[in-house]
Amino acid sequence: MNLSSILVNSGAKFRKEILAMPVAALQETVLKHMTLHTGVAGDETVGALGSGAQIRPYKTEKGASDSSKIAARTLTTYLGDVVEEFDPYVLFTTVYGEQFTSHTTRTDAEIVKDLSMQMAKSVSKNLALATFSGVRNATGTTTLDLFNGFDTITATEISAGNIAVGKGNLFEYHSSISRSNAGDILKSIYDAASDELIESEGLRMYVPRAVKRAYDDWYLDNFGAVQYNNAYGRKYLHGTEDNPCEIVALSAQKNSSYIYLSTKSNMLVGCSQDSEREQVEIRKPDNPKVVQFFMCLFWGVQFQMIEPEYLLVAKYVAPTPDPVVITGDASLSVGADAGSNNRTYATSNGAAVTAEVKTEGADWLSVAVAADGHKVTFTRTAFAYDAEGTSPRTATVRISCGSVYKDVTVSQEMAANV
């Protein structure tokens, strides 16, 4: 019995099982915390029906209201394909831990199914990462190019103003998450959510694993080993005991710029599983030592709703530095004789200053900044009693630190006629 001959042209027989393998591979990770929508080959309208209908005091007349509306969003799945060549004998050994021989007791059906599913699982390993980081690029060559992930969708909605601080579905924090502050920041995100979201059943906070590790360390530092060793204490966000918020750390989110507070039902993963365009083939290529695995499938993600009752997105925004302030004399009166005066100009951020004479034609005055970056020397020529010009003569010197500046007026009286 030849292993290649068993596999070739058998993909169609186990098409449904093989197409389901990417779903099965993600079942204990991404799909454990999200909702799978099958039968989506292209676009599907998702969303929720909202109504402002009210129970009123009883009246005989009907007085019907019409306040219902549907907030629609589009879950788009894209058709992707993979072509992968593999040595069936090496894969057989990998799957079963034994060499293939013609005397194997395994049936053809068992071999085809197990090896094909192993290939389907292998080639779909990046679907999890694309769930957050994917950016649709129709001419791309990787799984990350297949569809827009949650982070890409979020960035688009933020740019459009649909996710914003003012709308209540965006929260900005200004300190990088670390062991010393992780619990405080995650709780501040939770506290910023709408009451409706906080009261949602099965509330989850989706975070990168690095954030979860920082939270675990924070928890250990603040509550000690006894409580830390209680898995419940670290699985749910501290301070949310009335309606526990589960902290979901996914390796798929390792490159994410966002933290999401939402529910499983609001995080949608779409696939088809029954479209005629989804195919599985195992065929013989030019290389006689390998077989070729070919699979087409639809995949995509979407938020069911982005309103603050369903979603809160949190992101780090670097704090705006305080404006630089330059302190020091704003005016300086100097003698009629030649000489120099020193003044010190400090900056609130400690940065050095520069100095420049801004008055055109004031060649009687020059300025220089010392090596410390703050002491400025104003050097003048003599202003004799019979010199041309009016007394006093003035010039403006600009003391600068970046785009911030302070103008200093320097005045010099004419010498007395004695």
Protein backbone atom coordinates (compact mmCIF):
# COMPACT_ATOMS: atom_id res chain seq x y z
CA MET A 1 0.00 0.00 0.00
CA ASN A 2 1.42 3.37 -1.07
CA LEU A 3 0.75 6.28 1.28
CA SER A 4 0.68 8.91 -1.46
CA SER A 5 -1.91 6.97 -3.44
CA ILE A 6 -4.12 6.78 -0.36
CA LEU A 7 -4.05 10.54 0.09
CA VAL A 8 -4.27 11.80 -3.48
CA ASN A 9 -7.79 12.76 -4.59
CA SER A 10 -9.21 11.92 -1.15
CA GLY A 11 -9.66 15.51 0.05
CA ALA A 12 -13.19 15.83 -1.30
CA LYS A 13 -14.32 12.79 0.64
CA PHE A 14 -13.48 14.39 3.97
CA ARG A 15 -14.09 17.99 2.87
CA LYS A 16 -16.46 18.96 5.69
CA GLU A 17 -14.28 17.49 8.40
CA ILE A 18 -11.13 19.12 7.03
CA LEU A 19 -12.78 22.52 6.58
CA ALA A 20 -13.91 22.31 10.19
CA MET A 21 -10.35 21.74 11.40
CA PRO A 22 -9.40 25.46 11.64
CA VAL A 23 -12.51 25.97 13.74
CA ALA A 24 -11.61 23.04 15.97
CA ALA A 25 -8.01 24.27 16.29
CA LEU A 26 -9.22 27.63 17.62
CA GLN A 27 -11.97 26.24 19.82
CA GLU A 28 -9.95 26.29 23.04
CA THR A 29 -8.31 29.65 22.41
CA VAL A 30 -9.93 32.42 20.36
CA LEU A 31 -13.33 30.79 19.82
CA LYS A 32 -13.68 29.96 23.50
CA HIS A 33 -14.22 33.67 24.08
CA MET A 34 -15.93 34.68 20.83
CA THR A 35 -19.06 33.75 18.90
CA LEU A 36 -18.75 31.73 15.69
CA HIS A 37 -21.06 32.61 12.81
CA THR A 38 -21.14 29.89 10.15
CA GLY A 39 -22.68 30.09 6.71
CA VAL A 40 -21.08 33.48 6.00
CA ALA A 41 -19.53 33.57 2.51
CA GLY A 42 -19.02 37.27 1.84
CA ASP A 43 -21.10 39.90 3.68
CA GLU A 44 -23.67 39.36 6.40
CA THR A 45 -25.53 42.11 8.24
CA VAL A 46 -25.20 41.80 12.00
CA GLY A 47 -26.24 44.11 14.80
CA ALA A 48 -29.00 44.44 17.34
CA LEU A 49 -32.54 45.71 17.51
CA GLY A 50 -32.93 48.67 19.81
CA SER A 51 -36.18 50.17 21.04
CA GLY A 52 -37.15 53.14 23.15
CA ALA A 53 -40.61 51.71 23.84
CA GLN A 54 -41.89 52.42 27.36
CA ILE A 55 -44.53 50.96 29.64
CA ARG A 56 -46.88 53.87 30.37
CA PRO A 57 -49.82 54.37 32.68
CA TYR A 58 -52.85 52.54 31.25
CA LYS A 59 -54.84 54.38 28.59
CA THR A 60 -57.81 53.23 26.56
CA GLU A 61 -56.53 54.70 23.30
CA LYS A 62 -53.81 52.84 21.46
CA GLY A 63 -51.29 55.66 20.88
CA ALA A 64 -48.73 53.25 19.41
CA SER A 65 -45.12 54.38 19.29
CA ASP A 66 -42.50 53.61 16.69
CA SER A 67 -39.07 53.89 18.32
CA SER A 68 -37.44 50.66 17.15
CA LYS A 69 -34.24 50.77 15.13
CA ILE A 70 -31.60 48.34 13.98
CA ALA A 71 -27.94 49.25 14.45
CA ALA A 72 -26.44 47.33 11.55
CA ARG A 73 -22.85 46.29 11.00
CA THR A 74 -21.36 44.10 8.29
CA LEU A 75 -19.49 40.91 9.03
CA THR A 76 -17.33 40.25 5.97
CA THR A 77 -15.57 36.97 5.33
CA TYR A 78 -12.99 36.70 2.58
CA LEU A 79 -12.05 33.66 0.54
CA GLY A 80 -8.50 32.56 1.15
CA ASP A 81 -6.50 29.60 -0.07
CA VAL A 82 -3.41 27.66 0.85
CA VAL A 83 -1.21 25.42 -1.27
CA GLU A 84 1.27 23.40 0.75
CA GLU A 85 3.45 20.47 -0.27
CA PHE A 86 4.46 17.89 2.31
CA ASP A 87 6.11 14.52 2.63
CA PRO A 88 3.30 12.15 3.65
CA TYR A 89 5.67 9.68 5.29
CA VAL A 90 7.19 12.34 7.53
CA LEU A 91 3.74 13.61 8.45
CA PHE A 92 2.55 10.05 9.18
CA THR A 93 5.40 9.60 11.64
CA THR A 94 4.64 12.99 13.23
CA VAL A 95 0.96 12.19 13.69
CA TYR A 96 1.20 8.57 14.81
CA GLY A 97 4.69 8.33 16.25
CA GLU A 98 5.53 5.33 14.06
CA GLN A 99 6.87 4.58 10.61
CA PHE A 100 4.45 3.79 7.80
CA THR A 101 4.54 0.25 6.42
CA SER A 102 2.25 -1.71 4.15
CA HIS A 103 1.26 -3.78 7.18
CA THR A 104 -0.24 -0.90 9.13
CA THR A 105 -3.56 -1.70 10.77
CA ARG A 106 -4.85 1.81 10.18
CA THR A 107 -7.57 2.14 7.57
CA ASP A 108 -7.25 4.33 4.50
CA ALA A 109 -10.06 6.51 5.78
CA GLU A 110 -8.38 6.98 9.15
CA ILE A 111 -5.05 7.91 7.57
CA VAL A 112 -6.58 10.37 5.11
CA LYS A 113 -8.69 12.03 7.75
CA ASP A 114 -5.97 12.34 10.39
CA LEU A 115 -3.21 13.54 8.07
CA SER A 116 -5.45 15.95 6.20
CA MET A 117 -6.73 17.43 9.43
CA GLN A 118 -3.19 17.80 10.70
CA MET A 119 -2.36 19.79 7.56
CA ALA A 120 -5.50 21.90 7.90
CA LYS A 121 -4.59 22.61 11.51
CA SER A 122 -1.03 23.50 10.58
CA VAL A 123 -1.83 25.88 7.73
CA SER A 124 -4.47 27.68 9.78
CA LYS A 125 -2.24 28.41 12.77
CA ASN A 126 -1.98 32.10 11.92
CA LEU A 127 -5.74 32.62 11.82
CA ALA A 128 -5.66 33.32 15.54
CA LEU A 129 -3.07 36.09 15.18
CA ALA A 130 -4.96 37.59 12.24
CA THR A 131 -8.09 37.72 14.41
CA PHE A 132 -6.63 40.88 15.95
CA SER A 133 -3.72 41.94 13.73
CA GLY A 134 -5.04 41.16 10.24
CA VAL A 135 -5.07 43.93 7.63
CA ARG A 136 -6.94 43.11 4.43
CA ASN A 137 -4.63 43.15 1.40
CA ALA A 138 -6.08 41.39 -1.63
CA THR A 139 -2.62 41.08 -3.22
CA GLY A 140 -0.98 39.78 -0.03
CA THR A 141 0.52 36.35 0.52
CA THR A 142 -0.02 35.65 4.24
CA THR A 143 -2.90 34.94 6.60
CA LEU A 144 -2.52 38.45 8.03
CA ASP A 145 -3.52 39.79 4.60
CA LEU A 146 -6.75 37.79 4.39
CA PHE A 147 -9.12 39.91 6.48
CA ASN A 148 -9.30 42.92 8.80
CA GLY A 149 -8.78 41.92 12.42
CA PHE A 150 -10.36 43.58 15.44
CA ASP A 151 -7.45 46.02 15.84
CA THR A 152 -7.75 47.18 12.23
CA ILE A 153 -11.52 47.54 12.54
CA THR A 154 -11.02 49.50 15.76
CA ALA A 155 -8.44 51.85 14.23
CA THR A 156 -10.82 52.54 11.32
CA GLU A 157 -13.73 53.28 13.66
CA ILE A 158 -11.56 55.59 15.79
CA SER A 159 -10.46 57.49 12.68
CA ALA A 160 -14.11 57.83 11.64
CA GLY A 161 -15.06 59.12 15.10
CA ASN A 162 -17.39 56.18 15.77
CA ILE A 163 -15.25 54.99 18.67
CA ALA A 164 -14.34 58.02 20.75
CA VAL A 165 -13.91 59.20 24.32
CA GLY A 166 -16.89 61.52 23.88
CA LYS A 167 -19.08 58.64 22.75
CA GLY A 168 -18.22 56.60 25.84
CA ASN A 169 -16.74 53.62 23.98
CA LEU A 170 -13.08 54.69 24.14
CA PHE A 171 -10.89 55.08 27.22
CA GLU A 172 -7.36 56.46 27.14
CA TYR A 173 -4.83 55.67 29.85
CA HIS A 174 -1.56 57.55 30.12
CA SER A 175 0.83 55.25 32.00
CA SER A 176 2.42 52.16 30.50
CA ILE A 177 1.09 49.01 32.17
CA SER A 178 3.62 47.45 34.53
CA ARG A 179 3.80 45.27 37.61
CA SER A 180 3.33 48.31 39.84
CA ASN A 181 0.11 49.61 38.27
CA ALA A 182 -1.55 46.86 36.21
CA GLY A 183 -4.43 46.26 38.59
CA ASP A 184 -5.15 49.97 38.98
CA ILE A 185 -5.18 50.62 35.23
CA LEU A 186 -7.36 47.62 34.38
CA LYS A 187 -9.81 48.63 37.11
CA SER A 188 -9.87 52.21 35.76
CA ILE A 189 -10.80 50.80 32.34
CA TYR A 190 -13.59 48.77 33.92
CA ASP A 191 -14.84 51.80 35.88
CA ALA A 192 -15.00 53.86 32.67
CA ALA A 193 -17.48 51.45 31.05
CA SER A 194 -21.21 52.13 30.82
CA ASP A 195 -23.48 50.66 33.47
CA GLU A 196 -25.16 48.55 30.78
CA LEU A 197 -21.85 46.99 29.75
CA ILE A 198 -20.76 46.39 33.34
CA GLU A 199 -24.00 44.53 34.01
CA SER A 200 -23.63 42.32 30.92
CA GLU A 201 -23.56 38.59 31.51
CA GLY A 202 -20.20 36.98 30.79
CA LEU A 203 -18.22 40.23 30.73
CA ARG A 204 -14.65 39.82 29.48
CA MET A 205 -11.58 42.00 29.28
CA TYR A 206 -9.40 40.95 26.32
CA VAL A 207 -5.73 41.75 26.96
CA PRO A 208 -2.30 40.75 25.58
CA ARG A 209 -0.53 38.09 27.64
CA ALA A 210 2.10 40.61 28.74
CA VAL A 211 -0.64 42.67 30.39
CA LYS A 212 -2.03 39.59 32.15
CA ARG A 213 1.44 38.71 33.47
CA ALA A 214 1.82 42.24 34.82
CA TYR A 215 -1.60 41.93 36.47
CA ASP A 216 -0.64 38.60 38.08
CA ASP A 217 2.53 40.17 39.47
CA TRP A 218 0.55 43.17 40.75
CA TYR A 219 -1.94 40.84 42.40
CA LEU A 220 0.83 38.86 44.09
CA ASP A 221 2.50 42.04 45.35
CA ASN A 222 -0.72 43.47 46.75
CA PHE A 223 -2.51 40.42 48.15
CA GLY A 224 0.19 37.87 48.85
CA ALA A 225 0.73 34.26 47.88
CA VAL A 226 -2.35 32.83 49.62
CA GLN A 227 -4.84 34.77 47.53
CA TYR A 228 -2.57 34.63 44.47
CA ASN A 229 -2.67 30.84 44.51
CA ASN A 230 -6.45 31.01 44.32
CA ALA A 231 -7.02 30.74 40.56
CA TYR A 232 -10.30 32.62 40.87
CA GLY A 233 -8.52 35.68 42.19
CA ARG A 234 -6.32 35.97 39.13
CA LYS A 235 -8.87 34.90 36.51
CA TYR A 236 -11.26 37.72 37.31
CA LEU A 237 -10.47 41.40 37.72
CA HIS A 238 -10.14 42.39 41.35
CA GLY A 239 -12.97 44.62 42.53
CA THR A 240 -15.59 43.17 40.15
CA GLU A 241 -16.96 40.51 42.46
CA ASP A 242 -20.60 41.60 42.05
CA ASN A 243 -20.46 40.79 38.33
CA PRO A 244 -17.06 39.17 37.76
CA CYS A 245 -15.12 40.38 34.75
CA GLU A 246 -12.93 37.63 33.31
CA ILE A 247 -9.46 38.66 32.15
CA VAL A 248 -8.88 36.87 28.84
CA ALA A 249 -5.23 36.75 27.79
CA LEU A 250 -4.76 35.59 24.21
CA SER A 251 -1.45 35.01 22.43
CA ALA A 252 -3.34 36.16 19.32
CA GLN A 253 -3.38 39.64 20.87
CA LYS A 254 0.37 39.88 21.43
CA ASN A 255 0.80 42.71 18.93
CA SER A 256 -2.41 44.49 19.89
CA SER A 257 -2.49 48.18 20.78
CA TYR A 258 -5.88 47.86 22.45
CA ILE A 259 -7.63 46.32 25.43
CA TYR A 260 -11.26 45.35 24.83
CA LEU A 261 -14.05 45.19 27.40
CA SER A 262 -16.98 43.32 25.89
CA THR A 263 -18.81 39.99 25.82
CA LYS A 264 -18.42 36.76 23.91
CA SER A 265 -21.61 37.45 21.96
CA ASN A 266 -20.27 40.79 20.70
CA MET A 267 -16.98 39.42 19.33
CA LEU A 268 -17.90 37.67 16.09
CA VAL A 269 -15.85 35.25 13.99
CA GLY A 270 -17.35 34.41 10.61
CA CYS A 271 -16.76 31.45 8.33
CA SER A 272 -18.76 29.49 5.79
CA GLN A 273 -18.12 25.73 6.07
CA ASP A 274 -20.67 24.97 3.33
CA SER A 275 -19.91 27.25 0.36
CA GLU A 276 -19.27 25.54 -2.97
CA ARG A 277 -16.23 27.79 -3.30
CA GLU A 278 -14.61 26.18 -0.26
CA GLN A 279 -12.53 23.27 -1.48
CA VAL A 280 -10.13 20.66 -0.21
CA GLU A 281 -7.87 18.76 -2.57
CA ILE A 282 -4.88 16.51 -2.10
CA ARG A 283 -3.03 15.95 -5.34
CA LYS A 284 0.26 14.88 -6.86
CA PRO A 285 2.67 17.71 -7.83
CA ASP A 286 5.81 17.56 -9.97
CA ASN A 287 7.91 16.27 -7.07
CA PRO A 288 7.15 12.53 -6.71
CA LYS A 289 8.27 12.51 -3.07
CA VAL A 290 5.56 14.85 -1.83
CA VAL A 291 1.83 15.47 -2.13
CA GLN A 292 0.14 18.83 -2.41
CA PHE A 293 -2.52 20.02 0.04
CA PHE A 294 -4.93 22.66 -1.32
CA MET A 295 -7.69 24.30 0.71
CA CYS A 296 -10.00 27.30 0.19
CA LEU A 297 -12.06 28.76 3.03
CA PHE A 298 -13.87 31.94 4.08
CA TRP A 299 -12.88 33.79 7.25
CA GLY A 300 -13.41 37.19 8.91
CA VAL A 301 -14.25 38.98 12.19
CA GLN A 302 -16.44 41.88 13.33
CA PHE A 303 -17.96 43.52 16.39
CA GLN A 304 -21.68 42.95 16.53
CA MET A 305 -22.09 46.40 18.11
CA ILE A 306 -19.67 49.20 18.99
CA GLU A 307 -22.05 51.30 21.11
CA PRO A 308 -20.88 51.87 24.72
CA GLU A 309 -23.54 49.46 26.00
CA TYR A 310 -21.66 46.67 24.19
CA LEU A 311 -18.01 47.69 23.89
CA LEU A 312 -15.29 49.74 25.52
CA VAL A 313 -11.90 50.04 23.84
CA ALA A 314 -8.91 51.15 25.88
CA LYS A 315 -5.60 52.32 24.50
CA TYR A 316 -2.40 53.84 25.80
CA VAL A 317 -1.83 57.49 24.93
CA ALA A 318 1.44 59.06 25.99
CA PRO A 319 0.85 61.89 28.46
CA THR A 320 1.05 65.39 27.07
CA PRO A 321 4.16 66.99 28.56
CA ASP A 322 3.72 70.22 30.48
CA PRO A 323 4.57 73.25 28.35
CA VAL A 324 8.14 74.45 28.74
CA VAL A 325 8.51 77.62 30.76
CA ILE A 326 11.57 79.85 30.54
CA THR A 327 12.30 81.92 33.64
CA GLY A 328 14.72 84.85 33.93
CA ASP A 329 14.86 88.63 33.48
CA ALA A 330 12.67 90.05 30.70
CA SER A 331 14.59 93.34 30.60
CA LEU A 332 18.16 94.44 31.10
CA SER A 333 19.62 97.95 31.42
CA VAL A 334 23.33 98.15 30.67
CA GLY A 335 25.94 100.85 31.07
CA ALA A 336 27.13 103.27 28.39
CA ASP A 337 30.63 101.83 28.46
CA ALA A 338 31.74 98.72 26.68
CA GLY A 339 31.29 95.54 28.72
CA SER A 340 29.14 92.53 29.40
CA ASN A 341 26.41 91.31 31.72
CA ASN A 342 25.48 87.76 32.64
CA ARG A 343 21.95 86.50 33.24
CA THR A 344 20.67 82.97 33.89
CA TYR A 345 17.62 81.54 32.09
CA ALA A 346 16.23 78.31 33.49
CA THR A 347 13.77 75.98 31.75
CA SER A 348 11.09 73.88 33.44
CA ASN A 349 12.31 70.74 31.65
CA GLY A 350 15.99 71.44 32.28
CA ALA A 351 16.83 71.79 28.58
CA ALA A 352 19.41 74.26 27.36
CA VAL A 353 18.48 77.59 25.81
CA THR A 354 19.71 79.45 22.77
CA ALA A 355 20.05 83.21 22.41
CA GLU A 356 19.80 85.48 19.36
CA VAL A 357 19.67 89.24 18.81
CA LYS A 358 16.44 89.80 16.88
CA THR A 359 16.62 93.58 16.29
CA GLU A 360 17.92 94.38 12.85
CA GLY A 361 20.98 96.64 12.85
CA ALA A 362 21.71 96.23 16.57
CA ASP A 363 25.35 95.40 15.90
CA TRP A 364 26.35 97.04 19.19
CA LEU A 365 25.05 93.99 21.05
CA SER A 366 26.03 90.33 20.88
CA VAL A 367 24.96 87.32 22.98
CA ALA A 368 26.47 83.95 23.84
CA VAL A 369 25.26 80.95 25.87
CA ALA A 370 27.67 79.27 28.25
CA ALA A 371 28.42 75.55 28.23
CA ASP A 372 25.85 74.93 30.97
CA GLY A 373 23.14 75.93 28.50
CA HIS A 374 21.57 78.53 30.81
CA LYS A 375 23.96 81.40 31.49
CA VAL A 376 23.68 84.05 28.78
CA THR A 377 26.33 86.74 28.33
CA PHE A 378 25.18 90.06 26.84
CA THR A 379 28.20 91.94 25.38
CA ARG A 380 27.90 95.61 24.33
CA THR A 381 30.02 98.29 22.73
CA ALA A 382 30.28 101.79 24.23
CA PHE A 383 27.53 104.34 23.53
CA ALA A 384 29.43 107.67 23.47
CA TYR A 385 27.66 110.95 24.20
CA ASP A 386 28.28 112.19 20.70
CA ALA A 387 27.28 108.99 18.92
CA GLU A 388 24.49 108.98 16.38
CA GLY A 389 21.07 107.78 17.45
CA THR A 390 18.63 108.41 20.24
CA SER A 391 19.08 107.52 23.85
CA PRO A 392 18.51 104.97 25.10
CA ARG A 393 19.11 102.53 22.31
CA THR A 394 17.34 99.16 22.61
CA ALA A 395 17.52 95.69 21.15
CA THR A 396 15.48 92.53 21.56
CA VAL A 397 17.21 89.27 22.41
CA ARG A 398 15.22 86.04 22.00
CA ILE A 399 15.93 83.28 24.51
CA SER A 400 14.58 80.01 23.06
CA CYS A 401 14.03 76.41 24.07
CA GLY A 402 12.59 74.51 21.13
CA SER A 403 9.47 76.34 19.95
CA VAL A 404 9.12 78.21 23.26
CA TYR A 405 10.85 81.56 23.64
CA LYS A 406 11.18 84.58 25.90
CA ASP A 407 12.02 88.02 24.47
CA VAL A 408 14.40 90.15 26.53
CA THR A 409 14.62 93.93 26.02
CA VAL A 410 18.15 95.30 26.43
CA SER A 411 18.52 99.08 26.77
CA GLN A 412 21.66 101.20 26.89
CA GLU A 413 21.75 104.89 27.85
CA MET A 414 24.06 107.25 26.01
CA ALA A 415 27.10 108.38 27.96
CA ALA A 416 26.85 111.77 29.67
CA ASN A 417 28.65 114.78 28.12
CA VAL A 418 31.14 115.79 30.78
